[in-house]
Amino acid sequence: MFRKAQGIGLFVWSCWKLNLAGAMEFRLSFLMTAGMMMVNNAVWILFWGLYFQKFQVVNGWTLQDVMMMWAVSSGGFGLSAVFFGNAYRIASLVAAGQLDIYLSQPKPVLLHVLVSRMSISAIGDILFALLIYFFFGDLTWAGMGKFALALLIAMVIFMFFVVIFQSLAFFIGNAEGIGQQVFNGMLAFSTYPTGIFKGAGKLILFTIVPAGFISYMPIGLLRSVEPLFLFQALGVALLLAAGGTAFFYYGLKRYSSGNMMGLRM
């Protein structure tokens, strides 16, 4: 069992190294793509900065809280897209019959699919998150530990929420559109303070579209640890991971081969 886990770990590490090496072959393109993503995120930071010049608090949220919300959201998404980038392309792979390569390998299919691609632009999201944390976050060891935990939870929620909707392609064919729209909604809601939502809207953010568990991190974990919220966020992350994995493999039973020939490590 230990050797098997060690082998899978080495395989994943090798995939990550190869993905990064491939990206670095075109360094100018890499720098421009990552840089433009940082600029895109910085525009929103500028907007919030101007807003807080007139209003110091938004339903209990300070400028630091909003900045940390952006750090957690962009960092969590960035980690999922950099290390598990194919999560956002499962529907297209299924529709095109391109899972054959992964099925022919002895590695776990879902893990193999997820680590086989890296999003270059998402590296800019990670760098942006770290930069925001450096200026607005708690730079103590405890603060950095809580921030790392927040990023991990956000990454898992983003990734497996997307895996679930991308896996609809096994049942309805072309699910790229719905997968992208659901992800866009998830990402958008995770960058707005939960304090501005009330009633049904807030309920949706913590159930159907669990973006609330990401956007509330600055209050429920980084500012001060709220045990109930932390327990719920961890529970949702684990539930999505288990549910997303099970749903993918359930759908895989319905997969029709595209009769494609190809090789992977």
C-alpha atoms as a PDB file:
ATOM      1  CA  MET A   1       0.000   0.000   0.000  1.00  0.00           C
ATOM      2  CA  PHE A   2       2.816   2.396   0.930  1.00  0.00           C
ATOM      3  CA  ARG A   3       4.712   1.617  -2.291  1.00  0.00           C
ATOM      4  CA  LYS A   4       1.568   2.160  -4.325  1.00  0.00           C
ATOM      5  CA  ALA A   5       0.953   5.539  -2.688  1.00  0.00           C
ATOM      6  CA  GLN A   6       4.608   6.449  -3.194  1.00  0.00           C
ATOM      7  CA  GLY A   7       4.361   5.485  -6.864  1.00  0.00           C
ATOM      8  CA  ILE A   8       1.264   7.629  -7.364  1.00  0.00           C
ATOM      9  CA  GLY A   9       2.971  10.534  -5.610  1.00  0.00           C
ATOM     10  CA  LEU A  10       6.000  10.271  -7.899  1.00  0.00           C
ATOM     11  CA  PHE A  11       3.709  10.079 -10.925  1.00  0.00           C
ATOM     12  CA  VAL A  12       1.821  13.229  -9.914  1.00  0.00           C
ATOM     13  CA  TRP A  13       5.076  15.067  -9.198  1.00  0.00           C
ATOM     14  CA  SER A  14       6.433  14.058 -12.614  1.00  0.00           C
ATOM     15  CA  CYS A  15       3.286  15.348 -14.325  1.00  0.00           C
ATOM     16  CA  TRP A  16       3.571  18.679 -12.564  1.00  0.00           C
ATOM     17  CA  LYS A  17       7.227  19.040 -13.504  1.00  0.00           C
ATOM     18  CA  LEU A  18       6.528  18.214 -17.147  1.00  0.00           C
ATOM     19  CA  ASN A  19       3.594  20.629 -17.277  1.00  0.00           C
ATOM     20  CA  LEU A  20       5.745  23.437 -15.886  1.00  0.00           C
ATOM     21  CA  ALA A  21       8.639  22.583 -18.183  1.00  0.00           C
ATOM     22  CA  GLY A  22       6.296  22.732 -21.161  1.00  0.00           C
ATOM     23  CA  ALA A  23       5.008  26.130 -20.071  1.00  0.00           C
ATOM     24  CA  MET A  24       8.515  27.500 -19.584  1.00  0.00           C
ATOM     25  CA  GLU A  25       9.501  26.635 -23.155  1.00  0.00           C
ATOM     26  CA  PHE A  26       7.710  29.815 -24.207  1.00  0.00           C
ATOM     27  CA  ARG A  27       8.788  32.105 -21.396  1.00  0.00           C
ATOM     28  CA  LEU A  28       7.624  35.377 -22.910  1.00  0.00           C
ATOM     29  CA  SER A  29       4.155  33.973 -23.521  1.00  0.00           C
ATOM     30  CA  PHE A  30       4.184  32.514 -19.999  1.00  0.00           C
ATOM     31  CA  LEU A  31       5.114  35.846 -18.398  1.00  0.00           C
ATOM     32  CA  MET A  32       2.591  37.806 -20.468  1.00  0.00           C
ATOM     33  CA  THR A  33      -0.257  35.367 -19.762  1.00  0.00           C
ATOM     34  CA  ALA A  34       0.389  35.222 -16.021  1.00  0.00           C
ATOM     35  CA  GLY A  35       1.011  38.967 -15.895  1.00  0.00           C
ATOM     36  CA  MET A  36      -2.244  39.826 -17.650  1.00  0.00           C
ATOM     37  CA  MET A  37      -4.181  37.724 -15.149  1.00  0.00           C
ATOM     38  CA  MET A  38      -2.568  39.654 -12.304  1.00  0.00           C
ATOM     39  CA  VAL A  39      -3.490  42.939 -14.000  1.00  0.00           C
ATOM     40  CA  ASN A  40      -7.071  41.737 -14.480  1.00  0.00           C
ATOM     41  CA  ASN A  41      -7.379  40.936 -10.770  1.00  0.00           C
ATOM     42  CA  ALA A  42      -5.693  44.221  -9.814  1.00  0.00           C
ATOM     43  CA  VAL A  43      -8.478  46.162 -11.550  1.00  0.00           C
ATOM     44  CA  TRP A  44     -10.990  44.729  -9.081  1.00  0.00           C
ATOM     45  CA  ILE A  45      -8.689  45.501  -6.178  1.00  0.00           C
ATOM     46  CA  LEU A  46      -8.532  49.103  -7.385  1.00  0.00           C
ATOM     47  CA  PHE A  47     -12.331  49.197  -7.511  1.00  0.00           C
ATOM     48  CA  TRP A  48     -12.650  47.985  -3.925  1.00  0.00           C
ATOM     49  CA  GLY A  49      -9.932  50.390  -2.801  1.00  0.00           C
ATOM     50  CA  LEU A  50     -11.874  53.335  -4.239  1.00  0.00           C
ATOM     51  CA  TYR A  51     -15.071  52.043  -2.666  1.00  0.00           C
ATOM     52  CA  PHE A  52     -13.567  51.845   0.819  1.00  0.00           C
ATOM     53  CA  GLN A  53     -12.276  55.402   0.543  1.00  0.00           C
ATOM     54  CA  LYS A  54     -15.913  56.476   0.871  1.00  0.00           C
ATOM     55  CA  PHE A  55     -17.305  53.634   2.981  1.00  0.00           C
ATOM     56  CA  GLN A  56     -15.045  52.226   5.684  1.00  0.00           C
ATOM     57  CA  VAL A  57     -17.153  49.151   6.450  1.00  0.00           C
ATOM     58  CA  VAL A  58     -19.550  46.995   4.393  1.00  0.00           C
ATOM     59  CA  ASN A  59     -21.859  45.089   6.739  1.00  0.00           C
ATOM     60  CA  GLY A  60     -18.947  44.439   9.090  1.00  0.00           C
ATOM     61  CA  TRP A  61     -16.378  43.807   6.332  1.00  0.00           C
ATOM     62  CA  THR A  62     -13.286  45.994   6.260  1.00  0.00           C
ATOM     63  CA  LEU A  63     -10.929  46.632   3.350  1.00  0.00           C
ATOM     64  CA  GLN A  64      -8.516  44.046   4.769  1.00  0.00           C
ATOM     65  CA  ASP A  65     -11.297  41.437   4.865  1.00  0.00           C
ATOM     66  CA  VAL A  66     -12.211  42.077   1.221  1.00  0.00           C
ATOM     67  CA  MET A  67      -8.577  41.934   0.160  1.00  0.00           C
ATOM     68  CA  MET A  68      -8.142  38.607   1.923  1.00  0.00           C
ATOM     69  CA  MET A  69     -11.342  37.338   0.321  1.00  0.00           C
ATOM     70  CA  TRP A  70      -9.790  38.042  -3.070  1.00  0.00           C
ATOM     71  CA  ALA A  71      -6.550  36.393  -1.984  1.00  0.00           C
ATOM     72  CA  VAL A  72      -8.353  33.209  -0.907  1.00  0.00           C
ATOM     73  CA  SER A  73     -10.627  33.110  -3.948  1.00  0.00           C
ATOM     74  CA  SER A  74      -7.977  33.791  -6.589  1.00  0.00           C
ATOM     75  CA  GLY A  75      -5.410  31.628  -4.794  1.00  0.00           C
ATOM     76  CA  GLY A  76      -7.779  28.699  -4.358  1.00  0.00           C
ATOM     77  CA  PHE A  77      -8.847  28.818  -7.989  1.00  0.00           C
ATOM     78  CA  GLY A  78      -5.252  29.304  -9.122  1.00  0.00           C
ATOM     79  CA  LEU A  79      -4.038  26.230  -7.232  1.00  0.00           C
ATOM     80  CA  SER A  80      -6.823  24.076  -8.677  1.00  0.00           C
ATOM     81  CA  ALA A  81      -6.198  25.260 -12.241  1.00  0.00           C
ATOM     82  CA  VAL A  82      -2.399  25.007 -12.044  1.00  0.00           C
ATOM     83  CA  PHE A  83      -2.079  21.607 -10.376  1.00  0.00           C
ATOM     84  CA  PHE A  84      -5.355  20.022 -11.565  1.00  0.00           C
ATOM     85  CA  GLY A  85      -6.071  22.031 -14.708  1.00  0.00           C
ATOM     86  CA  ASN A  86      -7.995  19.361 -16.592  1.00  0.00           C
ATOM     87  CA  ALA A  87     -10.839  19.618 -14.082  1.00  0.00           C
ATOM     88  CA  TYR A  88     -12.108  22.480 -16.240  1.00  0.00           C
ATOM     89  CA  ARG A  89     -11.891  20.444 -19.478  1.00  0.00           C
ATOM     90  CA  ILE A  90     -13.484  17.123 -18.521  1.00  0.00           C
ATOM     91  CA  ALA A  91     -16.638  17.830 -20.515  1.00  0.00           C
ATOM     92  CA  SER A  92     -14.715  18.520 -23.711  1.00  0.00           C
ATOM     93  CA  LEU A  93     -12.568  15.407 -23.212  1.00  0.00           C
ATOM     94  CA  VAL A  94     -15.648  13.249 -22.752  1.00  0.00           C
ATOM     95  CA  ALA A  95     -17.523  14.777 -25.695  1.00  0.00           C
ATOM     96  CA  ALA A  96     -14.521  14.265 -27.997  1.00  0.00           C
ATOM     97  CA  GLY A  97     -13.871  10.716 -26.782  1.00  0.00           C
ATOM     98  CA  GLN A  98     -10.409  11.664 -25.550  1.00  0.00           C
ATOM     99  CA  LEU A  99     -10.414   9.683 -22.298  1.00  0.00           C
ATOM    100  CA  ASP A 100      -9.108   6.562 -24.047  1.00  0.00           C
ATOM    101  CA  ILE A 101      -5.489   7.509 -23.342  1.00  0.00           C
ATOM    102  CA  TYR A 102      -6.155   7.728 -19.608  1.00  0.00           C
ATOM    103  CA  LEU A 103      -8.172   4.496 -19.518  1.00  0.00           C
ATOM    104  CA  SER A 104      -5.296   2.568 -21.032  1.00  0.00           C
ATOM    105  CA  GLN A 105      -2.938   3.559 -18.199  1.00  0.00           C
ATOM    106  CA  PRO A 106      -2.679   1.785 -14.809  1.00  0.00           C
ATOM    107  CA  LYS A 107      -2.936   5.114 -12.934  1.00  0.00           C
ATOM    108  CA  PRO A 108      -6.222   6.227 -11.252  1.00  0.00           C
ATOM    109  CA  VAL A 109      -8.238   7.669 -14.136  1.00  0.00           C
ATOM    110  CA  LEU A 110      -9.587  10.817 -12.473  1.00  0.00           C
ATOM    111  CA  LEU A 111      -6.253  11.731 -10.890  1.00  0.00           C
ATOM    112  CA  HIS A 112      -4.475  11.133 -14.208  1.00  0.00           C
ATOM    113  CA  VAL A 113      -6.969  13.357 -16.019  1.00  0.00           C
ATOM    114  CA  LEU A 114      -6.739  16.162 -13.463  1.00  0.00           C
ATOM    115  CA  VAL A 115      -2.938  16.434 -13.321  1.00  0.00           C
ATOM    116  CA  SER A 116      -2.386  16.168 -17.068  1.00  0.00           C
ATOM    117  CA  ARG A 117      -2.818  19.847 -17.765  1.00  0.00           C
ATOM    118  CA  MET A 118      -1.685  23.120 -16.224  1.00  0.00           C
ATOM    119  CA  SER A 119      -3.357  26.500 -16.719  1.00  0.00           C
ATOM    120  CA  ILE A 120      -0.629  29.064 -17.348  1.00  0.00           C
ATOM    121  CA  SER A 121      -2.809  32.100 -16.640  1.00  0.00           C
ATOM    122  CA  ALA A 122      -3.763  30.649 -13.245  1.00  0.00           C
ATOM    123  CA  ILE A 123      -0.151  30.998 -12.112  1.00  0.00           C
ATOM    124  CA  GLY A 124      -0.872  34.731 -12.187  1.00  0.00           C
ATOM    125  CA  ASP A 125      -3.788  34.132  -9.802  1.00  0.00           C
ATOM    126  CA  ILE A 126      -1.502  32.374  -7.320  1.00  0.00           C
ATOM    127  CA  LEU A 127       1.131  35.112  -7.497  1.00  0.00           C
ATOM    128  CA  PHE A 128      -1.597  37.728  -7.109  1.00  0.00           C
ATOM    129  CA  ALA A 129      -2.970  35.959  -4.014  1.00  0.00           C
ATOM    130  CA  LEU A 130       0.468  35.802  -2.410  1.00  0.00           C
ATOM    131  CA  LEU A 131       1.102  39.469  -3.174  1.00  0.00           C
ATOM    132  CA  ILE A 132      -2.209  40.531  -1.622  1.00  0.00           C
ATOM    133  CA  TYR A 133      -1.514  38.394   1.432  1.00  0.00           C
ATOM    134  CA  PHE A 134       1.921  39.979   1.824  1.00  0.00           C
ATOM    135  CA  PHE A 135       0.389  43.476   1.987  1.00  0.00           C
ATOM    136  CA  PHE A 136      -2.847  42.778   3.868  1.00  0.00           C
ATOM    137  CA  GLY A 137      -2.485  39.431   5.625  1.00  0.00           C
ATOM    138  CA  ASP A 138      -1.281  38.296   9.017  1.00  0.00           C
ATOM    139  CA  LEU A 139       2.396  37.453   8.454  1.00  0.00           C
ATOM    140  CA  THR A 140       2.779  35.478  11.678  1.00  0.00           C
ATOM    141  CA  TRP A 141       3.259  31.705  11.537  1.00  0.00           C
ATOM    142  CA  ALA A 142      -0.291  31.205  12.794  1.00  0.00           C
ATOM    143  CA  GLY A 143      -1.632  33.622  10.179  1.00  0.00           C
ATOM    144  CA  MET A 144       0.249  31.905   7.356  1.00  0.00           C
ATOM    145  CA  GLY A 145      -0.986  28.515   8.552  1.00  0.00           C
ATOM    146  CA  LYS A 146      -4.605  29.690   8.507  1.00  0.00           C
ATOM    147  CA  PHE A 147      -4.135  31.238   5.068  1.00  0.00           C
ATOM    148  CA  ALA A 148      -2.660  27.979   3.727  1.00  0.00           C
ATOM    149  CA  LEU A 149      -5.635  26.055   5.139  1.00  0.00           C
ATOM    150  CA  ALA A 150      -8.060  28.543   3.576  1.00  0.00           C
ATOM    151  CA  LEU A 151      -6.369  28.119   0.177  1.00  0.00           C
ATOM    152  CA  LEU A 152      -6.507  24.331   0.468  1.00  0.00           C
ATOM    153  CA  ILE A 153     -10.222  24.332   1.316  1.00  0.00           C
ATOM    154  CA  ALA A 154     -10.991  26.796  -1.495  1.00  0.00           C
ATOM    155  CA  MET A 155      -8.973  24.729  -3.982  1.00  0.00           C
ATOM    156  CA  VAL A 156     -10.857  21.513  -3.153  1.00  0.00           C
ATOM    157  CA  ILE A 157     -14.260  23.236  -3.292  1.00  0.00           C
ATOM    158  CA  PHE A 158     -13.511  24.878  -6.646  1.00  0.00           C
ATOM    159  CA  MET A 159     -12.046  21.750  -8.194  1.00  0.00           C
ATOM    160  CA  PHE A 160     -14.636  19.160  -7.257  1.00  0.00           C
ATOM    161  CA  PHE A 161     -17.613  21.481  -7.722  1.00  0.00           C
ATOM    162  CA  VAL A 162     -16.390  21.894 -11.291  1.00  0.00           C
ATOM    163  CA  VAL A 163     -15.698  18.142 -11.668  1.00  0.00           C
ATOM    164  CA  ILE A 164     -19.335  17.379 -10.796  1.00  0.00           C
ATOM    165  CA  PHE A 165     -20.780  19.680 -13.435  1.00  0.00           C
ATOM    166  CA  GLN A 166     -18.163  18.816 -16.045  1.00  0.00           C
ATOM    167  CA  SER A 167     -19.006  15.136 -15.504  1.00  0.00           C
ATOM    168  CA  LEU A 168     -22.554  15.799 -16.681  1.00  0.00           C
ATOM    169  CA  ALA A 169     -21.051  15.271 -20.142  1.00  0.00           C
ATOM    170  CA  PHE A 170     -21.249  11.522 -19.501  1.00  0.00           C
ATOM    171  CA  PHE A 171     -25.040  11.816 -19.334  1.00  0.00           C
ATOM    172  CA  ILE A 172     -26.079  14.747 -21.550  1.00  0.00           C
ATOM    173  CA  GLY A 173     -23.280  14.866 -24.109  1.00  0.00           C
ATOM    174  CA  ASN A 174     -21.981  18.386 -24.605  1.00  0.00           C
ATOM    175  CA  ALA A 175     -21.828  19.920 -21.114  1.00  0.00           C
ATOM    176  CA  GLU A 176     -19.053  22.434 -21.769  1.00  0.00           C
ATOM    177  CA  GLY A 177     -21.454  25.378 -21.775  1.00  0.00           C
ATOM    178  CA  ILE A 178     -23.211  24.559 -18.521  1.00  0.00           C
ATOM    179  CA  GLY A 179     -19.907  23.661 -16.879  1.00  0.00           C
ATOM    180  CA  GLN A 180     -18.399  27.019 -17.814  1.00  0.00           C
ATOM    181  CA  GLN A 181     -21.466  28.993 -16.754  1.00  0.00           C
ATOM    182  CA  VAL A 182     -21.664  27.272 -13.374  1.00  0.00           C
ATOM    183  CA  PHE A 183     -17.956  27.874 -12.793  1.00  0.00           C
ATOM    184  CA  ASN A 184     -18.277  31.558 -13.737  1.00  0.00           C
ATOM    185  CA  GLY A 185     -21.110  31.933 -11.244  1.00  0.00           C
ATOM    186  CA  MET A 186     -19.126  30.153  -8.541  1.00  0.00           C
ATOM    187  CA  LEU A 187     -16.083  32.349  -9.141  1.00  0.00           C
ATOM    188  CA  ALA A 188     -18.115  35.562  -9.235  1.00  0.00           C
ATOM    189  CA  PHE A 189     -19.992  34.871  -5.989  1.00  0.00           C
ATOM    190  CA  SER A 190     -16.780  33.887  -4.206  1.00  0.00           C
ATOM    191  CA  THR A 191     -15.430  37.433  -4.702  1.00  0.00           C
ATOM    192  CA  TYR A 192     -18.277  39.295  -2.987  1.00  0.00           C
ATOM    193  CA  PRO A 193     -18.652  39.659   0.796  1.00  0.00           C
ATOM    194  CA  THR A 194     -21.288  37.297   2.125  1.00  0.00           C
ATOM    195  CA  GLY A 195     -22.564  40.129   4.321  1.00  0.00           C
ATOM    196  CA  ILE A 196     -24.279  41.794   1.350  1.00  0.00           C
ATOM    197  CA  PHE A 197     -26.502  38.745   0.747  1.00  0.00           C
ATOM    198  CA  LYS A 198     -29.633  38.058   2.748  1.00  0.00           C
ATOM    199  CA  GLY A 199     -32.339  35.404   2.948  1.00  0.00           C
ATOM    200  CA  ALA A 200     -32.603  33.047  -0.030  1.00  0.00           C
ATOM    201  CA  GLY A 201     -29.509  34.507  -1.689  1.00  0.00           C
ATOM    202  CA  LYS A 202     -27.346  33.698   1.311  1.00  0.00           C
ATOM    203  CA  LEU A 203     -28.883  30.231   1.593  1.00  0.00           C
ATOM    204  CA  ILE A 204     -27.967  29.483  -2.032  1.00  0.00           C
ATOM    205  CA  LEU A 205     -24.369  30.617  -1.417  1.00  0.00           C
ATOM    206  CA  PHE A 206     -23.956  28.011   1.305  1.00  0.00           C
ATOM    207  CA  THR A 207     -25.847  25.166  -0.386  1.00  0.00           C
ATOM    208  CA  ILE A 208     -26.419  25.002  -4.153  1.00  0.00           C
ATOM    209  CA  VAL A 209     -23.439  27.187  -5.084  1.00  0.00           C
ATOM    210  CA  PRO A 210     -21.050  26.780  -2.118  1.00  0.00           C
ATOM    211  CA  ALA A 211     -19.155  29.980  -2.900  1.00  0.00           C
ATOM    212  CA  GLY A 212     -20.040  31.292   0.549  1.00  0.00           C
ATOM    213  CA  PHE A 213     -17.627  28.845   2.166  1.00  0.00           C
ATOM    214  CA  ILE A 214     -14.844  30.504   0.166  1.00  0.00           C
ATOM    215  CA  SER A 215     -15.832  34.158   0.456  1.00  0.00           C
ATOM    216  CA  TYR A 216     -16.499  33.920   4.214  1.00  0.00           C
ATOM    217  CA  MET A 217     -12.967  32.658   4.959  1.00  0.00           C
ATOM    218  CA  PRO A 218     -11.598  36.118   5.905  1.00  0.00           C
ATOM    219  CA  ILE A 219     -14.194  36.387   8.694  1.00  0.00           C
ATOM    220  CA  GLY A 220     -14.669  32.766   9.782  1.00  0.00           C
ATOM    221  CA  LEU A 221     -11.040  31.634   9.645  1.00  0.00           C
ATOM    222  CA  LEU A 222      -8.506  34.393   8.994  1.00  0.00           C
ATOM    223  CA  ARG A 223      -9.841  37.182  11.250  1.00  0.00           C
ATOM    224  CA  SER A 224     -10.786  34.768  14.030  1.00  0.00           C
ATOM    225  CA  VAL A 225     -11.401  31.051  13.905  1.00  0.00           C
ATOM    226  CA  GLU A 226     -15.109  30.189  14.103  1.00  0.00           C
ATOM    227  CA  PRO A 227     -15.098  26.452  14.901  1.00  0.00           C
ATOM    228  CA  LEU A 228     -18.585  25.805  13.481  1.00  0.00           C
ATOM    229  CA  PHE A 229     -17.791  27.512  10.177  1.00  0.00           C
ATOM    230  CA  LEU A 230     -14.422  25.778   9.888  1.00  0.00           C
ATOM    231  CA  PHE A 231     -16.029  22.400  10.555  1.00  0.00           C
ATOM    232  CA  GLN A 232     -18.709  23.099   7.940  1.00  0.00           C
ATOM    233  CA  ALA A 233     -16.183  24.308   5.345  1.00  0.00           C
ATOM    234  CA  LEU A 234     -14.015  21.217   5.831  1.00  0.00           C
ATOM    235  CA  GLY A 235     -17.108  19.025   5.665  1.00  0.00           C
ATOM    236  CA  VAL A 236     -18.292  20.610   2.432  1.00  0.00           C
ATOM    237  CA  ALA A 237     -14.826  20.265   0.881  1.00  0.00           C
ATOM    238  CA  LEU A 238     -14.654  16.558   1.813  1.00  0.00           C
ATOM    239  CA  LEU A 239     -18.244  15.964   0.675  1.00  0.00           C
ATOM    240  CA  LEU A 240     -17.591  17.578  -2.704  1.00  0.00           C
ATOM    241  CA  ALA A 241     -14.355  15.603  -3.106  1.00  0.00           C
ATOM    242  CA  ALA A 242     -16.079  12.305  -2.364  1.00  0.00           C
ATOM    243  CA  GLY A 243     -19.205  13.179  -4.344  1.00  0.00           C
ATOM    244  CA  GLY A 244     -17.276  14.519  -7.324  1.00  0.00           C
ATOM    245  CA  THR A 245     -15.036  11.451  -7.472  1.00  0.00           C
ATOM    246  CA  ALA A 246     -17.973   9.036  -7.187  1.00  0.00           C
ATOM    247  CA  PHE A 247     -20.009  10.940  -9.796  1.00  0.00           C
ATOM    248  CA  PHE A 248     -17.087  10.952 -12.257  1.00  0.00           C
ATOM    249  CA  TYR A 249     -16.549   7.187 -11.969  1.00  0.00           C
ATOM    250  CA  TYR A 250     -20.291   6.531 -12.162  1.00  0.00           C
ATOM    251  CA  GLY A 251     -20.431   8.527 -15.369  1.00  0.00           C
ATOM    252  CA  LEU A 252     -17.293   6.827 -16.685  1.00  0.00           C
ATOM    253  CA  LYS A 253     -19.282   3.582 -16.918  1.00  0.00           C
ATOM    254  CA  ARG A 254     -21.366   5.266 -19.636  1.00  0.00           C
ATOM    255  CA  TYR A 255     -18.347   6.547 -21.556  1.00  0.00           C
ATOM    256  CA  SER A 256     -18.103   5.649 -25.236  1.00  0.00           C
ATOM    257  CA  SER A 257     -14.586   5.271 -26.608  1.00  0.00           C
ATOM    258  CA  GLY A 258     -13.432   7.636 -29.290  1.00  0.00           C
ATOM    259  CA  ASN A 259     -11.044   4.960 -30.649  1.00  0.00           C
ATOM    260  CA  MET A 260      -8.158   7.395 -30.325  1.00  0.00           C
ATOM    261  CA  MET A 261      -4.530   6.371 -30.355  1.00  0.00           C
ATOM    262  CA  GLY A 262      -2.096   8.241 -28.156  1.00  0.00           C
ATOM    263  CA  LEU A 263       0.646   7.937 -25.602  1.00  0.00           C
ATOM    264  CA  ARG A 264       1.214   9.445 -22.164  1.00  0.00           C
ATOM    265  CA  MET A 265       3.838   8.792 -19.529  1.00  0.00           C
END
